[in-house]
Amino acid sequence: PFWTPGGDSPFDAWLSERNGAGSSLRWSTQIEHEA
């Protein structure tokens, strides 16, 4: 679930759903910012 070439990965989609907003940032960058 961590990388889907050409699209959002399931983990990225789940993070966007959790955060209530889409993001063009990868999961790693989103989590680094949140941390």
Full PDB file with SEQRES, HELIX, SHEET, SSBOND, CRYST1, ORIGX, SCALE, CONECT and MASTER records, all heavy atoms in Angstrom:
SEQRES   1 A   35  PRO PHE TRP THR PRO GLY GLY ASP SER PRO PHE ASP ALA          
SEQRES   2 A   35  TRP LEU SER GLU ARG ASN GLY ALA GLY SER SER LEU ARG          
SEQRES   3 A   35  TRP SER THR GLN ILE GLU HIS GLU ALA                          
HELIX    1 AA1 PRO A   10  ASN A   19  1                                  10    
HELIX    2 AA2 TRP A   27  GLU A   34  1                                   8    
CRYST1    1.000    1.000    1.000  90.00  90.00  90.00 P 1           1          
ORIGX1      1.000000  0.000000  0.000000        0.00000                         
ORIGX2      0.000000  1.000000  0.000000        0.00000                         
ORIGX3      0.000000  0.000000  1.000000        0.00000                         
SCALE1      1.000000  0.000000  0.000000        0.00000                         
SCALE2      0.000000  1.000000  0.000000        0.00000                         
SCALE3      0.000000  0.000000  1.000000        0.00000                         
ATOM      1  N   PRO A   1       0.774  -1.248   0.000  1.00  0.00           N  
ATOM      2  CA  PRO A   1       0.000   0.000   0.000  1.00  0.00           C  
ATOM      3  C   PRO A   1       0.803   1.295   0.000  1.00  0.00           C  
ATOM      4  O   PRO A   1       0.224   2.363   0.172  1.00  0.00           O  
ATOM      5  CB  PRO A   1      -0.788  -0.118   1.305  1.00  0.00           C  
ATOM      6  CG  PRO A   1       0.154  -0.822   2.223  1.00  0.00           C  
ATOM      7  CD  PRO A   1       0.862  -1.832   1.338  1.00  0.00           C  
ATOM      8  N   PHE A   2       2.112   1.248  -0.213  1.00  0.00           N  
ATOM      9  CA  PHE A   2       2.926   2.445  -0.005  1.00  0.00           C  
ATOM     10  C   PHE A   2       3.313   3.209  -1.268  1.00  0.00           C  
ATOM     11  O   PHE A   2       3.748   4.337  -1.178  1.00  0.00           O  
ATOM     12  CB  PHE A   2       4.196   2.084   0.777  1.00  0.00           C  
ATOM     13  CG  PHE A   2       3.877   1.422   2.073  1.00  0.00           C  
ATOM     14  CD1 PHE A   2       4.033   0.055   2.230  1.00  0.00           C  
ATOM     15  CD2 PHE A   2       3.372   2.152   3.130  1.00  0.00           C  
ATOM     16  CE1 PHE A   2       3.708  -0.568   3.420  1.00  0.00           C  
ATOM     17  CE2 PHE A   2       3.038   1.546   4.322  1.00  0.00           C  
ATOM     18  CZ  PHE A   2       3.207   0.180   4.462  1.00  0.00           C  
ATOM     19  N   TRP A   3       3.184   2.596  -2.421  1.00  0.00           N  
ATOM     20  CA  TRP A   3       3.537   3.292  -3.661  1.00  0.00           C  
ATOM     21  C   TRP A   3       2.809   2.631  -4.813  1.00  0.00           C  
ATOM     22  O   TRP A   3       2.914   1.423  -5.014  1.00  0.00           O  
ATOM     23  CB  TRP A   3       5.035   3.242  -3.900  1.00  0.00           C  
ATOM     24  CG  TRP A   3       5.495   4.028  -5.095  1.00  0.00           C  
ATOM     25  CD1 TRP A   3       5.297   5.352  -5.334  1.00  0.00           C  
ATOM     26  CD2 TRP A   3       6.232   3.537  -6.218  1.00  0.00           C  
ATOM     27  NE1 TRP A   3       5.870   5.720  -6.532  1.00  0.00           N  
ATOM     28  CE2 TRP A   3       6.452   4.617  -7.091  1.00  0.00           C  
ATOM     29  CE3 TRP A   3       6.734   2.288  -6.566  1.00  0.00           C  
ATOM     30  CZ2 TRP A   3       7.157   4.489  -8.285  1.00  0.00           C  
ATOM     31  CZ3 TRP A   3       7.427   2.170  -7.747  1.00  0.00           C  
ATOM     32  CH2 TRP A   3       7.637   3.266  -8.594  1.00  0.00           C  
ATOM     33  N   THR A   4       2.056   3.440  -5.519  1.00  0.00           N  
ATOM     34  CA  THR A   4       1.355   2.990  -6.711  1.00  0.00           C  
ATOM     35  C   THR A   4       1.814   3.886  -7.845  1.00  0.00           C  
ATOM     36  O   THR A   4       1.449   5.066  -7.881  1.00  0.00           O  
ATOM     37  CB  THR A   4      -0.179   3.097  -6.525  1.00  0.00           C  
ATOM     38  OG1 THR A   4      -0.549   2.355  -5.368  1.00  0.00           O  
ATOM     39  CG2 THR A   4      -0.909   2.595  -7.742  1.00  0.00           C  
ATOM     40  N   PRO A   5       2.634   3.362  -8.756  1.00  0.00           N  
ATOM     41  CA  PRO A   5       3.116   4.204  -9.849  1.00  0.00           C  
ATOM     42  C   PRO A   5       1.961   4.848 -10.619  1.00  0.00           C  
ATOM     43  O   PRO A   5       1.001   4.182 -10.983  1.00  0.00           O  
ATOM     44  CB  PRO A   5       3.890   3.224 -10.742  1.00  0.00           C  
ATOM     45  CG  PRO A   5       4.286   2.108  -9.816  1.00  0.00           C  
ATOM     46  CD  PRO A   5       3.155   1.996  -8.837  1.00  0.00           C  
ATOM     47  N   GLY A   6       2.033   6.162 -10.768  1.00  0.00           N  
ATOM     48  CA  GLY A   6       1.016   6.879 -11.521  1.00  0.00           C  
ATOM     49  C   GLY A   6      -0.237   7.243 -10.752  1.00  0.00           C  
ATOM     50  O   GLY A   6      -1.184   7.778 -11.326  1.00  0.00           O  
ATOM     51  N   GLY A   7      -0.274   6.985  -9.459  1.00  0.00           N  
ATOM     52  CA  GLY A   7      -1.474   7.317  -8.698  1.00  0.00           C  
ATOM     53  C   GLY A   7      -1.217   7.334  -7.201  1.00  0.00           C  
ATOM     54  O   GLY A   7      -0.098   7.080  -6.745  1.00  0.00           O  
ATOM     55  N   ASP A   8      -2.278   7.641  -6.461  1.00  0.00           N  
ATOM     56  CA  ASP A   8      -2.169   7.621  -5.000  1.00  0.00           C  
ATOM     57  C   ASP A   8      -2.111   6.182  -4.506  1.00  0.00           C  
ATOM     58  O   ASP A   8      -2.871   5.328  -4.963  1.00  0.00           O  
ATOM     59  CB  ASP A   8      -3.380   8.303  -4.357  1.00  0.00           C  
ATOM     60  CG  ASP A   8      -3.302   9.807  -4.395  1.00  0.00           C  
ATOM     61  OD1 ASP A   8      -2.208  10.345  -4.631  1.00  0.00           O  
ATOM     62  OD2 ASP A   8      -4.354  10.446  -4.191  1.00  0.00           O  
ATOM     63  N   SER A   9      -1.238   5.944  -3.570  1.00  0.00           N  
ATOM     64  CA  SER A   9      -1.189   4.624  -2.947  1.00  0.00           C  
ATOM     65  C   SER A   9      -2.337   4.511  -1.943  1.00  0.00           C  
ATOM     66  O   SER A   9      -2.873   5.529  -1.484  1.00  0.00           O  
ATOM     67  CB  SER A   9       0.145   4.435  -2.232  1.00  0.00           C  
ATOM     68  OG  SER A   9       0.189   5.207  -1.048  1.00  0.00           O  
ATOM     69  N   PRO A  10      -2.723   3.294  -1.570  1.00  0.00           N  
ATOM     70  CA  PRO A  10      -3.754   3.141  -0.540  1.00  0.00           C  
ATOM     71  C   PRO A  10      -3.395   3.853   0.768  1.00  0.00           C  
ATOM     72  O   PRO A  10      -4.255   4.429   1.421  1.00  0.00           O  
ATOM     73  CB  PRO A  10      -3.854   1.626  -0.349  1.00  0.00           C  
ATOM     74  CG  PRO A  10      -3.481   1.085  -1.697  1.00  0.00           C  
ATOM     75  CD  PRO A  10      -2.380   2.009  -2.185  1.00  0.00           C  
ATOM     76  N   PHE A  11      -2.123   3.841   1.150  1.00  0.00           N  
ATOM     77  CA  PHE A  11      -1.720   4.502   2.397  1.00  0.00           C  
ATOM     78  C   PHE A  11      -1.839   6.017   2.259  1.00  0.00           C  
ATOM     79  O   PHE A  11      -2.307   6.695   3.172  1.00  0.00           O  
ATOM     80  CB  PHE A  11      -0.295   4.080   2.785  1.00  0.00           C  
ATOM     81  CG  PHE A  11       0.096   4.466   4.187  1.00  0.00           C  
ATOM     82  CD1 PHE A  11      -0.590   3.977   5.292  1.00  0.00           C  
ATOM     83  CD2 PHE A  11       1.172   5.308   4.412  1.00  0.00           C  
ATOM     84  CE1 PHE A  11      -0.225   4.331   6.588  1.00  0.00           C  
ATOM     85  CE2 PHE A  11       1.557   5.655   5.700  1.00  0.00           C  
ATOM     86  CZ  PHE A  11       0.853   5.166   6.791  1.00  0.00           C  
ATOM     87  N   ASP A  12      -1.442   6.570   1.096  1.00  0.00           N  
ATOM     88  CA  ASP A  12      -1.616   8.003   0.844  1.00  0.00           C  
ATOM     89  C   ASP A  12      -3.094   8.384   0.892  1.00  0.00           C  
ATOM     90  O   ASP A  12      -3.469   9.393   1.496  1.00  0.00           O  
ATOM     91  CB  ASP A  12      -1.044   8.400  -0.527  1.00  0.00           C  
ATOM     92  CG  ASP A  12       0.467   8.471  -0.558  1.00  0.00           C  
ATOM     93  OD1 ASP A  12       1.048   9.127   0.320  1.00  0.00           O  
ATOM     94  OD2 ASP A  12       1.056   7.883  -1.476  1.00  0.00           O  
ATOM     95  N   ALA A  13      -3.944   7.583   0.249  1.00  0.00           N  
ATOM     96  CA  ALA A  13      -5.385   7.853   0.232  1.00  0.00           C  
ATOM     97  C   ALA A  13      -5.967   7.792   1.640  1.00  0.00           C  
ATOM     98  O   ALA A  13      -6.792   8.628   2.022  1.00  0.00           O  
ATOM     99  CB  ALA A  13      -6.098   6.870  -0.695  1.00  0.00           C  
ATOM    100  N   TRP A  14      -5.518   6.832   2.420  1.00  0.00           N  
ATOM    101  CA  TRP A  14      -6.000   6.699   3.794  1.00  0.00           C  
ATOM    102  C   TRP A  14      -5.595   7.917   4.624  1.00  0.00           C  
ATOM    103  O   TRP A  14      -6.401   8.445   5.390  1.00  0.00           O  
ATOM    104  CB  TRP A  14      -5.450   5.410   4.413  1.00  0.00           C  
ATOM    105  CG  TRP A  14      -5.840   5.220   5.835  1.00  0.00           C  
ATOM    106  CD1 TRP A  14      -7.014   4.703   6.313  1.00  0.00           C  
ATOM    107  CD2 TRP A  14      -5.056   5.544   6.990  1.00  0.00           C  
ATOM    108  NE1 TRP A  14      -7.005   4.696   7.684  1.00  0.00           N  
ATOM    109  CE2 TRP A  14      -5.806   5.205   8.124  1.00  0.00           C  
ATOM    110  CE3 TRP A  14      -3.786   6.085   7.160  1.00  0.00           C  
ATOM    111  CZ2 TRP A  14      -5.342   5.389   9.422  1.00  0.00           C  
ATOM    112  CZ3 TRP A  14      -3.319   6.273   8.451  1.00  0.00           C  
ATOM    113  CH2 TRP A  14      -4.085   5.925   9.565  1.00  0.00           C  
ATOM    114  N   LEU A  15      -4.347   8.377   4.457  1.00  0.00           N  
ATOM    115  CA  LEU A  15      -3.896   9.572   5.188  1.00  0.00           C  
ATOM    116  C   LEU A  15      -4.739  10.786   4.806  1.00  0.00           C  
ATOM    117  O   LEU A  15      -5.113  11.577   5.671  1.00  0.00           O  
ATOM    118  CB  LEU A  15      -2.426   9.871   4.911  1.00  0.00           C  
ATOM    119  CG  LEU A  15      -1.391   9.189   5.763  1.00  0.00           C  
ATOM    120  CD1 LEU A  15       0.008   9.567   5.306  1.00  0.00           C  
ATOM    121  CD2 LEU A  15      -1.564   9.502   7.230  1.00  0.00           C  
ATOM    122  N   SER A  16      -5.022  10.936   3.523  1.00  0.00           N  
ATOM    123  CA  SER A  16      -5.849  12.067   3.075  1.00  0.00           C  
ATOM    124  C   SER A  16      -7.231  11.995   3.701  1.00  0.00           C  
ATOM    125  O   SER A  16      -7.760  12.998   4.171  1.00  0.00           O  
ATOM    126  CB  SER A  16      -5.969  12.070   1.549  1.00  0.00           C  
ATOM    127  OG  SER A  16      -4.730  12.373   0.968  1.00  0.00           O  
ATOM    128  N   GLU A  17      -7.805  10.800   3.725  1.00  0.00           N  
ATOM    129  CA  GLU A  17      -9.122  10.606   4.351  1.00  0.00           C  
ATOM    130  C   GLU A  17      -9.051  10.938   5.843  1.00  0.00           C  
ATOM    131  O   GLU A  17      -9.900  11.652   6.376  1.00  0.00           O  
ATOM    132  CB  GLU A  17      -9.572   9.161   4.154  1.00  0.00           C  
ATOM    133  CG  GLU A  17     -10.886   8.816   4.818  1.00  0.00           C  
ATOM    134  CD  GLU A  17     -11.191   7.330   4.705  1.00  0.00           C  
ATOM    135  OE1 GLU A  17     -10.808   6.689   3.719  1.00  0.00           O  
ATOM    136  OE2 GLU A  17     -11.833   6.809   5.648  1.00  0.00           O  
ATOM    137  N   ARG A  18      -8.007  10.466   6.508  1.00  0.00           N  
ATOM    138  CA  ARG A  18      -7.816  10.713   7.943  1.00  0.00           C  
ATOM    139  C   ARG A  18      -7.681  12.201   8.230  1.00  0.00           C  
ATOM    140  O   ARG A  18      -8.217  12.713   9.199  1.00  0.00           O  
ATOM    141  CB  ARG A  18      -6.561   9.971   8.408  1.00  0.00           C  
ATOM    142  CG  ARG A  18      -6.131  10.275   9.822  1.00  0.00           C  
ATOM    143  CD  ARG A  18      -4.771   9.614  10.097  1.00  0.00           C  
ATOM    144  NE  ARG A  18      -4.238  10.045  11.357  1.00  0.00           N  
ATOM    145  CZ  ARG A  18      -3.445  11.106  11.524  1.00  0.00           C  
ATOM    146  NH1 ARG A  18      -3.098  11.851  10.510  1.00  0.00           N  
ATOM    147  NH2 ARG A  18      -3.000  11.414  12.726  1.00  0.00           N  
ATOM    148  N   ASN A  19      -6.941  12.907   7.357  1.00  0.00           N  
ATOM    149  CA  ASN A  19      -6.689  14.330   7.563  1.00  0.00           C  
ATOM    150  C   ASN A  19      -7.805  15.209   7.019  1.00  0.00           C  
ATOM    151  O   ASN A  19      -7.777  16.425   7.215  1.00  0.00           O  
ATOM    152  CB  ASN A  19      -5.352  14.718   6.928  1.00  0.00           C  
ATOM    153  CG  ASN A  19      -4.185  14.023   7.600  1.00  0.00           C  
ATOM    154  OD1 ASN A  19      -4.260  13.630   8.759  1.00  0.00           O  
ATOM    155  ND2 ASN A  19      -3.103  13.852   6.871  1.00  0.00           N  
ATOM    156  N   GLY A  20      -8.764  14.616   6.335  1.00  0.00           N  
ATOM    157  CA  GLY A  20      -9.907  15.368   5.831  1.00  0.00           C  
ATOM    158  C   GLY A  20      -9.594  16.255   4.639  1.00  0.00           C  
ATOM    159  O   GLY A  20     -10.378  17.130   4.303  1.00  0.00           O  
ATOM    160  N   ALA A  21      -8.459  16.044   4.005  1.00  0.00           N  
ATOM    161  CA  ALA A  21      -8.097  16.847   2.838  1.00  0.00           C  
ATOM    162  C   ALA A  21      -7.066  16.097   2.011  1.00  0.00           C  
ATOM    163  O   ALA A  21      -6.216  15.397   2.549  1.00  0.00           O  
ATOM    164  CB  ALA A  21      -7.516  18.190   3.265  1.00  0.00           C  
ATOM    165  N   GLY A  22      -7.161  16.262   0.711  1.00  0.00           N  
ATOM    166  CA  GLY A  22      -6.183  15.656  -0.174  1.00  0.00           C  
ATOM    167  C   GLY A  22      -4.851  16.388  -0.078  1.00  0.00           C  
ATOM    168  O   GLY A  22      -4.774  17.515   0.399  1.00  0.00           O  
ATOM    169  N   SER A  23      -3.813  15.718  -0.520  1.00  0.00           N  
ATOM    170  CA  SER A  23      -2.496  16.332  -0.505  1.00  0.00           C  
ATOM    171  C   SER A  23      -1.695  15.773  -1.668  1.00  0.00           C  
ATOM    172  O   SER A  23      -1.812  14.597  -2.005  1.00  0.00           O  
ATOM    173  CB  SER A  23      -1.779  16.036   0.809  1.00  0.00           C  
ATOM    174  OG  SER A  23      -0.463  16.540   0.766  1.00  0.00           O  
ATOM    175  N   SER A  24      -0.872  16.616  -2.249  1.00  0.00           N  
ATOM    176  CA  SER A  24       0.022  16.148  -3.303  1.00  0.00           C  
ATOM    177  C   SER A  24       1.325  15.624  -2.708  1.00  0.00           C  
ATOM    178  O   SER A  24       2.171  15.111  -3.422  1.00  0.00           O  
ATOM    179  CB  SER A  24       0.311  17.283  -4.292  1.00  0.00           C  
ATOM    180  OG  SER A  24       0.941  18.356  -3.620  1.00  0.00           O  
ATOM    181  N   LEU A  25       1.469  15.743  -1.394  1.00  0.00           N  
ATOM    182  CA  LEU A  25       2.681  15.263  -0.720  1.00  0.00           C  
ATOM    183  C   LEU A  25       2.587  13.758  -0.485  1.00  0.00           C  
ATOM    184  O   LEU A  25       1.517  13.227  -0.200  1.00  0.00           O  
ATOM    185  CB  LEU A  25       2.860  15.967   0.622  1.00  0.00           C  
ATOM    186  CG  LEU A  25       3.002  17.486   0.590  1.00  0.00           C  
ATOM    187  CD1 LEU A  25       3.055  18.036   2.007  1.00  0.00           C  
ATOM    188  CD2 LEU A  25       4.232  17.888  -0.208  1.00  0.00           C  
ATOM    189  N   ARG A  26       3.717  13.099  -0.587  1.00  0.00           N  
ATOM    190  CA  ARG A  26       3.758  11.667  -0.290  1.00  0.00           C  
ATOM    191  C   ARG A  26       3.541  11.462   1.209  1.00  0.00           C  
ATOM    192  O   ARG A  26       3.742  12.363   2.011  1.00  0.00           O  
ATOM    193  CB  ARG A  26       5.120  11.091  -0.697  1.00  0.00           C  
ATOM    194  CG  ARG A  26       5.398  11.203  -2.152  1.00  0.00           C  
ATOM    195  CD  ARG A  26       5.412   9.929  -2.951  1.00  0.00           C  
ATOM    196  NE  ARG A  26       5.927   8.773  -2.259  1.00  0.00           N  
ATOM    197  CZ  ARG A  26       5.201   7.653  -2.145  1.00  0.00           C  
ATOM    198  NH1 ARG A  26       3.990   7.563  -2.642  1.00  0.00           N  
ATOM    199  NH2 ARG A  26       5.711   6.607  -1.524  1.00  0.00           N  
ATOM    200  N   TRP A  27       3.164  10.233   1.567  1.00  0.00           N  
ATOM    201  CA  TRP A  27       2.874   9.916   2.959  1.00  0.00           C  
ATOM    202  C   TRP A  27       4.054  10.271   3.858  1.00  0.00           C  
ATOM    203  O   TRP A  27       3.866  10.757   4.965  1.00  0.00           O  
ATOM    204  CB  TRP A  27       2.474   8.448   3.122  1.00  0.00           C  
ATOM    205  CG  TRP A  27       3.508   7.448   2.691  1.00  0.00           C  
ATOM    206  CD1 TRP A  27       3.601   6.822   1.473  1.00  0.00           C  
ATOM    207  CD2 TRP A  27       4.618   6.976   3.459  1.00  0.00           C  
ATOM    208  NE1 TRP A  27       4.693   5.994   1.445  1.00  0.00           N  
ATOM    209  CE2 TRP A  27       5.338   6.059   2.656  1.00  0.00           C  
ATOM    210  CE3 TRP A  27       5.083   7.230   4.737  1.00  0.00           C  
ATOM    211  CZ2 TRP A  27       6.470   5.405   3.090  1.00  0.00           C  
ATOM    212  CZ3 TRP A  27       6.226   6.580   5.181  1.00  0.00           C  
ATOM    213  CH2 TRP A  27       6.904   5.672   4.360  1.00  0.00           C  
ATOM    214  N   SER A  28       5.267  10.025   3.385  1.00  0.00           N  
ATOM    215  CA  SER A  28       6.447  10.287   4.219  1.00  0.00           C  
ATOM    216  C   SER A  28       6.564  11.763   4.583  1.00  0.00           C  
ATOM    217  O   SER A  28       6.835  12.109   5.742  1.00  0.00           O  
ATOM    218  CB  SER A  28       7.713   9.819   3.494  1.00  0.00           C  
ATOM    219  OG  SER A  28       7.765  10.353   2.181  1.00  0.00           O  
ATOM    220  N   THR A  29       6.330  12.634   3.620  1.00  0.00           N  
ATOM    221  CA  THR A  29       6.419  14.076   3.872  1.00  0.00           C  
ATOM    222  C   THR A  29       5.270  14.533   4.760  1.00  0.00           C  
ATOM    223  O   THR A  29       5.473  15.337   5.686  1.00  0.00           O  
ATOM    224  CB  THR A  29       6.423  14.850   2.543  1.00  0.00           C  
ATOM    225  OG1 THR A  29       7.496  14.351   1.734  1.00  0.00           O  
ATOM    226  CG2 THR A  29       6.604  16.340   2.769  1.00  0.00           C  
ATOM    227  N   GLN A  30       4.071  14.020   4.511  1.00  0.00           N  
ATOM    228  CA  GLN A  30       2.923  14.394   5.346  1.00  0.00           C  
ATOM    229  C   GLN A  30       3.174  14.032   6.812  1.00  0.00           C  
ATOM    230  O   GLN A  30       2.917  14.830   7.712  1.00  0.00           O  
ATOM    231  CB  GLN A  30       1.655  13.679   4.867  1.00  0.00           C  
ATOM    232  CG  GLN A  30       1.111  14.183   3.564  1.00  0.00           C  
ATOM    233  CD  GLN A  30      -0.175  13.468   3.214  1.00  0.00           C  
ATOM    234  OE1 GLN A  30      -1.132  13.500   3.990  1.00  0.00           O  
ATOM    235  NE2 GLN A  30      -0.204  12.826   2.061  1.00  0.00           N  
ATOM    236  N   ILE A  31       3.672  12.832   7.040  1.00  0.00           N  
ATOM    237  CA  ILE A  31       3.900  12.377   8.416  1.00  0.00           C  
ATOM    238  C   ILE A  31       5.048  13.152   9.054  1.00  0.00           C  
ATOM    239  O   ILE A  31       4.976  13.513  10.237  1.00  0.00           O  
ATOM    240  CB  ILE A  31       4.137  10.858   8.463  1.00  0.00           C  
ATOM    241  CG1 ILE A  31       2.862  10.123   8.026  1.00  0.00           C  
ATOM    242  CG2 ILE A  31       4.566  10.421   9.865  1.00  0.00           C  
ATOM    243  CD1 ILE A  31       3.039   8.628   7.834  1.00  0.00           C  
ATOM    244  N   GLU A  32       6.100  13.442   8.287  1.00  0.00           N  
ATOM    245  CA  GLU A  32       7.210  14.257   8.827  1.00  0.00           C  
ATOM    246  C   GLU A  32       6.681  15.619   9.294  1.00  0.00           C  
ATOM    247  O   GLU A  32       7.041  16.096  10.360  1.00  0.00           O  
ATOM    248  CB  GLU A  32       8.317  14.432   7.787  1.00  0.00           C  
ATOM    249  CG  GLU A  32       9.048  13.149   7.452  1.00  0.00           C  
ATOM    250  CD  GLU A  32      10.453  13.056   8.004  1.00  0.00           C  
ATOM    251  OE1 GLU A  32      10.964  14.059   8.521  1.00  0.00           O  
ATOM    252  OE2 GLU A  32      11.029  11.964   7.916  1.00  0.00           O  
ATOM    253  N   HIS A  33       5.812  16.241   8.479  1.00  0.00           N  
ATOM    254  CA  HIS A  33       5.235  17.539   8.858  1.00  0.00           C  
ATOM    255  C   HIS A  33       4.371  17.407  10.111  1.00  0.00           C  
ATOM    256  O   HIS A  33       4.479  18.229  11.029  1.00  0.00           O  
ATOM    257  CB  HIS A  33       4.403  18.127   7.709  1.00  0.00           C  
ATOM    258  CG  HIS A  33       5.217  18.705   6.603  1.00  0.00           C  
ATOM    259  ND1 HIS A  33       5.848  19.926   6.689  1.00  0.00           N  
ATOM    260  CD2 HIS A  33       5.519  18.213   5.372  1.00  0.00           C  
ATOM    261  CE1 HIS A  33       6.501  20.169   5.573  1.00  0.00           C  
ATOM    262  NE2 HIS A  33       6.320  19.138   4.753  1.00  0.00           N  
ATOM    263  N   GLU A  34       3.516  16.402  10.145  1.00  0.00           N  
ATOM    264  CA  GLU A  34       2.652  16.211  11.312  1.00  0.00           C  
ATOM    265  C   GLU A  34       3.475  15.949  12.569  1.00  0.00           C  
ATOM    266  O   GLU A  34       3.168  16.477  13.643  1.00  0.00           O  
ATOM    267  CB  GLU A  34       1.683  15.050  11.071  1.00  0.00           C  
ATOM    268  CG  GLU A  34       0.711  14.854  12.208  1.00  0.00           C  
ATOM    269  CD  GLU A  34      -0.309  13.764  11.964  1.00  0.00           C  
ATOM    270  OE1 GLU A  34      -0.561  13.409  10.791  1.00  0.00           O  
ATOM    271  OE2 GLU A  34      -0.866  13.269  12.954  1.00  0.00           O  
ATOM    272  N   ALA A  35       4.524  15.163  12.447  1.00  0.00           N  
ATOM    273  CA  ALA A  35       5.373  14.865  13.607  1.00  0.00           C  
ATOM    274  C   ALA A  35       6.004  16.133  14.154  1.00  0.00           C  
ATOM    275  O   ALA A  35       6.136  16.291  15.371  1.00  0.00           O  
ATOM    276  CB  ALA A  35       6.447  13.851  13.222  1.00  0.00           C  
TER     277      ALA A  35                                                      
MASTER        0    0    0    2    0    0    0    6  276    1    0    3          
END                                                                             
